Amino acid sequence: MNSNDIVLPGEFTKNIDIVFDVIYRPYKTKLLEDAERNGVKVIPGIEMLLGQGAAAFKMWTGIEPPINAMKKSALEALGVKI
């Protein structure tokens, strides 16, 4: 199975408000694309990855993490243009 395989039918996202995918590559998985087509708010997996990285950074350094710079770098590394 790869990140664009989907085990849920596209109709699954018709009756929900939000889909949060934990996969961050590709940035938008088939699940997120299906959800967007159905008007559902989507949160890509990169958000979880960034949140975990930011929490670890703060825990280890005691310094507030530069989350915007982290996000910009992560999206650039993934080739995502927003």
Protein backbone atom coordinates (compact mmCIF):
# COMPACT_ATOMS: atom_id res chain seq x y z
CA MET A 1 0.00 0.00 0.00
CA ASN A 2 1.27 3.50 -0.72
CA SER A 3 0.17 6.90 0.53
CA ASN A 4 -2.32 7.39 -2.30
CA ASP A 5 -4.05 4.06 -1.77
CA ILE A 6 -7.33 4.69 -0.05
CA VAL A 7 -9.39 2.26 1.94
CA LEU A 8 -12.39 4.57 2.31
CA PRO A 9 -14.82 5.29 -0.49
CA GLY A 10 -15.03 8.93 -1.63
CA GLU A 11 -18.56 9.14 -0.27
CA PHE A 12 -17.15 8.67 3.25
CA THR A 13 -16.25 12.34 3.44
CA LYS A 14 -19.68 13.64 2.46
CA ASN A 15 -21.13 13.67 5.97
CA ILE A 16 -18.22 14.92 8.05
CA ASP A 17 -16.76 18.35 8.79
CA ILE A 18 -13.02 17.78 8.79
CA VAL A 19 -10.40 15.27 7.64
CA PHE A 20 -6.93 15.21 9.20
CA ASP A 21 -4.52 12.93 7.39
CA VAL A 22 -1.28 11.92 9.10
CA ILE A 23 0.51 11.22 5.81
CA TYR A 24 2.67 14.19 4.80
CA ARG A 25 3.99 12.99 1.46
CA PRO A 26 2.27 13.62 -0.83
CA TYR A 27 1.06 16.87 0.71
CA LYS A 28 -2.49 16.15 -0.47
CA THR A 29 -3.40 12.49 -0.47
CA LYS A 30 -6.34 11.03 -2.36
CA LEU A 31 -8.28 11.07 0.92
CA LEU A 32 -7.75 14.82 1.28
CA GLU A 33 -8.56 15.45 -2.38
CA ASP A 34 -11.80 13.46 -2.08
CA ALA A 35 -12.71 15.36 1.08
CA GLU A 36 -12.03 18.74 -0.53
CA ARG A 37 -14.22 17.82 -3.49
CA ASN A 38 -17.01 17.19 -0.97
CA GLY A 39 -16.48 20.59 0.68
CA VAL A 40 -14.81 19.18 3.80
CA LYS A 41 -12.08 21.14 5.62
CA VAL A 42 -8.79 19.24 5.31
CA ILE A 43 -5.59 19.28 7.36
CA PRO A 44 -2.54 17.74 5.70
CA GLY A 45 -0.19 15.48 7.67
CA ILE A 46 2.59 18.06 7.57
CA GLU A 47 0.71 19.91 10.33
CA MET A 48 1.13 16.97 12.70
CA LEU A 49 4.77 16.55 11.76
CA LEU A 50 5.40 20.26 12.44
CA GLY A 51 3.53 20.15 15.73
CA GLN A 52 5.56 17.20 16.93
CA GLY A 53 8.81 18.81 15.82
CA ALA A 54 7.94 22.12 17.47
CA ALA A 55 7.00 20.41 20.74
CA ALA A 56 10.25 18.44 20.77
CA PHE A 57 12.29 21.54 19.96
CA LYS A 58 10.73 23.46 22.87
CA MET A 59 11.08 20.52 25.24
CA TRP A 60 14.78 20.08 24.48
CA THR A 61 15.81 23.72 24.16
CA GLY A 62 13.29 25.64 26.26
CA ILE A 63 13.04 28.05 23.33
CA GLU A 64 9.83 28.82 21.46
CA PRO A 65 10.25 27.14 18.06
CA PRO A 66 10.29 29.16 14.84
CA ILE A 67 7.19 27.37 13.55
CA ASN A 68 6.72 29.59 10.47
CA ALA A 69 10.30 29.00 9.35
CA MET A 70 9.93 25.29 10.08
CA LYS A 71 6.74 25.12 8.00
CA LYS A 72 8.28 27.05 5.11
CA SER A 73 11.31 24.73 5.06
CA ALA A 74 9.17 21.59 5.30
CA LEU A 75 6.89 22.67 2.46
CA GLU A 76 9.87 23.62 0.29
CA ALA A 77 11.48 20.22 0.98
CA LEU A 78 8.26 18.54 -0.12
CA GLY A 79 8.04 20.74 -3.23
CA VAL A 80 4.74 22.26 -2.11
CA LYS A 81 3.83 25.71 -3.38
CA ILE A 82 1.10 27.40 -1.39
